[in-house]
């Protein structure tokens, strides 16, 4: 775990740790406390999905991959054991993360509308198909 004087790592530093011997990941976003740096080297052999999954995103931002999998609370607790610091972002990276977070929130907010529209199209197609069979 990281001490109160949390170490910050740049992407340049993190990107050098992308092998079996040293595997670091950036996981986290503005919605969950910000991006953190994890040294998962000792966890490679224990990862249920295999070491290759982690190595594919080693040395880079792996937050989207981590979140897309839908990791359990146990997995998140396990991950916390490997925290070594925070991801030091420049202004450009921070602005991009904010824009991505806003876009994700908007997509989530509009996700219901898209689903409703899809359901409406399907119902209209079924009704039209039924109408055509009755007219024949």
Protein backbone atom coordinates (compact mmCIF):
# COMPACT_ATOMS: atom_id res chain seq x y z
CA UNK A 1 0.00 0.00 0.00
CA UNK A 2 1.10 3.57 -0.62
CA UNK A 3 2.10 5.92 2.20
CA UNK A 4 0.71 9.41 2.81
CA UNK A 5 3.45 10.87 0.61
CA UNK A 6 2.04 9.05 -2.39
CA UNK A 7 4.50 8.53 -5.21
CA UNK A 8 3.46 9.78 -8.62
CA UNK A 9 4.53 8.09 -11.83
CA UNK A 10 4.52 9.48 -15.35
CA UNK A 11 3.38 7.49 -18.35
CA UNK A 12 6.99 7.41 -19.52
CA UNK A 13 8.04 5.66 -16.29
CA UNK A 14 5.06 3.29 -16.30
CA UNK A 15 5.46 2.29 -19.94
CA UNK A 16 8.85 0.72 -19.17
CA UNK A 17 7.17 -1.90 -16.96
CA UNK A 18 5.55 -4.15 -19.55
CA UNK A 19 7.20 -7.54 -19.09
CA UNK A 20 6.95 -10.67 -16.94
CA UNK A 21 9.75 -9.26 -14.80
CA UNK A 22 7.98 -5.95 -14.16
CA UNK A 23 4.29 -5.49 -14.94
CA UNK A 24 2.64 -2.21 -14.02
CA UNK A 25 -0.89 -1.08 -14.85
CA UNK A 26 -2.82 2.17 -14.63
CA UNK A 27 -6.32 1.50 -13.33
CA UNK A 28 -8.84 4.07 -12.19
CA UNK A 29 -10.59 7.11 -13.60
CA UNK A 30 -12.07 10.38 -12.45
CA UNK A 31 -15.25 8.61 -11.34
CA UNK A 32 -13.51 6.29 -8.89
CA UNK A 33 -10.75 8.27 -7.25
CA UNK A 34 -8.46 8.85 -10.19
CA UNK A 35 -5.93 6.72 -12.00
CA UNK A 36 -3.63 4.69 -9.78
CA UNK A 37 -0.51 2.69 -10.59
CA UNK A 38 -0.32 -0.97 -9.64
CA UNK A 39 2.68 -3.30 -9.76
CA UNK A 40 1.01 -6.65 -10.48
CA UNK A 41 4.23 -8.52 -11.27
CA UNK A 42 3.84 -10.91 -8.30
CA UNK A 43 0.19 -11.52 -9.24
CA UNK A 44 0.78 -12.60 -12.85
CA UNK A 45 0.78 -16.34 -12.09
CA UNK A 46 -2.30 -16.06 -9.86
CA UNK A 47 -4.54 -14.03 -12.19
CA UNK A 48 -7.61 -16.15 -13.06
CA UNK A 49 -7.54 -14.94 -16.67
CA UNK A 50 -3.86 -15.76 -17.03
CA UNK A 51 -0.73 -13.63 -17.13
CA UNK A 52 -1.14 -12.85 -20.83
CA UNK A 53 -4.27 -10.78 -20.18
CA UNK A 54 -2.32 -8.51 -17.84
CA UNK A 55 0.75 -8.41 -20.05
CA UNK A 56 -1.37 -7.27 -23.01
CA UNK A 57 -2.11 -4.02 -21.16
CA UNK A 58 1.08 -3.76 -19.11
CA UNK A 59 2.78 -0.40 -18.95
CA UNK A 60 -0.35 1.48 -20.00
CA UNK A 61 -3.83 2.59 -18.99
CA UNK A 62 -5.78 -0.63 -18.38
CA UNK A 63 -8.81 0.96 -16.71
CA UNK A 64 -11.24 0.39 -19.57
CA UNK A 65 -10.24 -3.26 -19.85
CA UNK A 66 -10.52 -3.72 -16.08
CA UNK A 67 -13.95 -2.12 -15.91
CA UNK A 68 -15.31 -3.89 -19.03
CA UNK A 69 -14.62 -7.27 -17.44
CA UNK A 70 -16.81 -6.40 -14.48
CA UNK A 71 -14.41 -7.42 -11.73
CA UNK A 72 -15.88 -8.40 -8.37
CA UNK A 73 -15.32 -6.55 -5.11
CA UNK A 74 -12.91 -9.34 -4.15
CA UNK A 75 -10.88 -8.68 -7.29
CA UNK A 76 -10.81 -4.96 -6.51
CA UNK A 77 -9.67 -5.70 -2.97
CA UNK A 78 -6.93 -7.98 -4.33
CA UNK A 79 -5.83 -5.25 -6.73
CA UNK A 80 -5.51 -2.75 -3.89
CA UNK A 81 -2.68 -4.87 -2.45
CA UNK A 82 -0.52 -3.96 -5.46
CA UNK A 83 -1.01 -0.18 -5.37
CA UNK A 84 2.30 1.66 -5.66
CA UNK A 85 1.21 5.22 -6.45
CA UNK A 86 -0.78 7.64 -8.55
CA UNK A 87 -0.62 8.33 -12.26
CA UNK A 88 0.84 11.80 -12.75
CA UNK A 89 -1.15 13.46 -15.49
CA UNK A 90 -0.31 16.49 -17.51
CA UNK A 91 -3.04 19.03 -18.30
CA UNK A 92 -3.77 17.45 -21.70
CA UNK A 93 -4.24 13.96 -20.25
CA UNK A 94 -6.43 15.31 -17.46
CA UNK A 95 -8.60 17.19 -19.98
CA UNK A 96 -8.95 14.02 -22.08
CA UNK A 97 -9.94 11.98 -19.01
CA UNK A 98 -12.56 14.57 -18.06
CA UNK A 99 -13.96 14.54 -21.60
CA UNK A 100 -14.01 10.72 -21.60
CA UNK A 101 -15.80 10.67 -18.22
CA UNK A 102 -18.40 13.16 -19.47
CA UNK A 103 -18.90 11.15 -22.66
CA UNK A 104 -19.29 7.92 -20.69
CA UNK A 105 -21.81 9.55 -18.33
CA UNK A 106 -23.77 10.91 -21.28
CA UNK A 107 -23.72 7.53 -23.02
CA UNK A 108 -24.93 5.85 -19.84
CA UNK A 109 -27.65 8.46 -19.46
CA UNK A 110 -28.74 8.04 -23.09
CA UNK A 111 -28.31 4.27 -23.05
CA UNK A 112 -31.91 3.80 -21.96
CA UNK A 113 -33.13 5.94 -24.85
CA UNK A 114 -31.21 3.85 -27.36
CA UNK A 115 -32.64 0.66 -25.90
CA UNK A 116 -36.15 2.07 -26.00
CA UNK A 117 -35.69 3.10 -29.63
CA UNK A 118 -34.42 -0.36 -30.54
CA UNK A 119 -37.39 -1.98 -28.80
CA UNK A 120 -39.77 0.37 -30.64
CA UNK A 121 -38.22 -0.51 -34.03
CA UNK A 122 -38.52 -4.23 -33.28
CA UNK A 123 -42.17 -3.87 -32.26
CA UNK A 124 -42.97 -1.87 -35.40
CA UNK A 125 -41.24 -4.51 -37.54
CA UNK A 126 -43.25 -7.29 -35.87
CA UNK A 127 -46.49 -5.37 -36.28
CA UNK A 128 -45.71 -4.66 -39.93
CA UNK A 129 -44.89 -8.33 -40.54
CA UNK A 130 -48.14 -9.39 -38.91
CA UNK A 131 -50.09 -6.84 -40.95
CA UNK A 132 -48.51 -8.10 -44.19
CA UNK A 133 -49.41 -11.72 -43.39
CA UNK A 134 -53.02 -10.73 -42.68
CA UNK A 135 -53.32 -8.77 -45.94
CA UNK A 136 -52.21 -11.69 -48.12
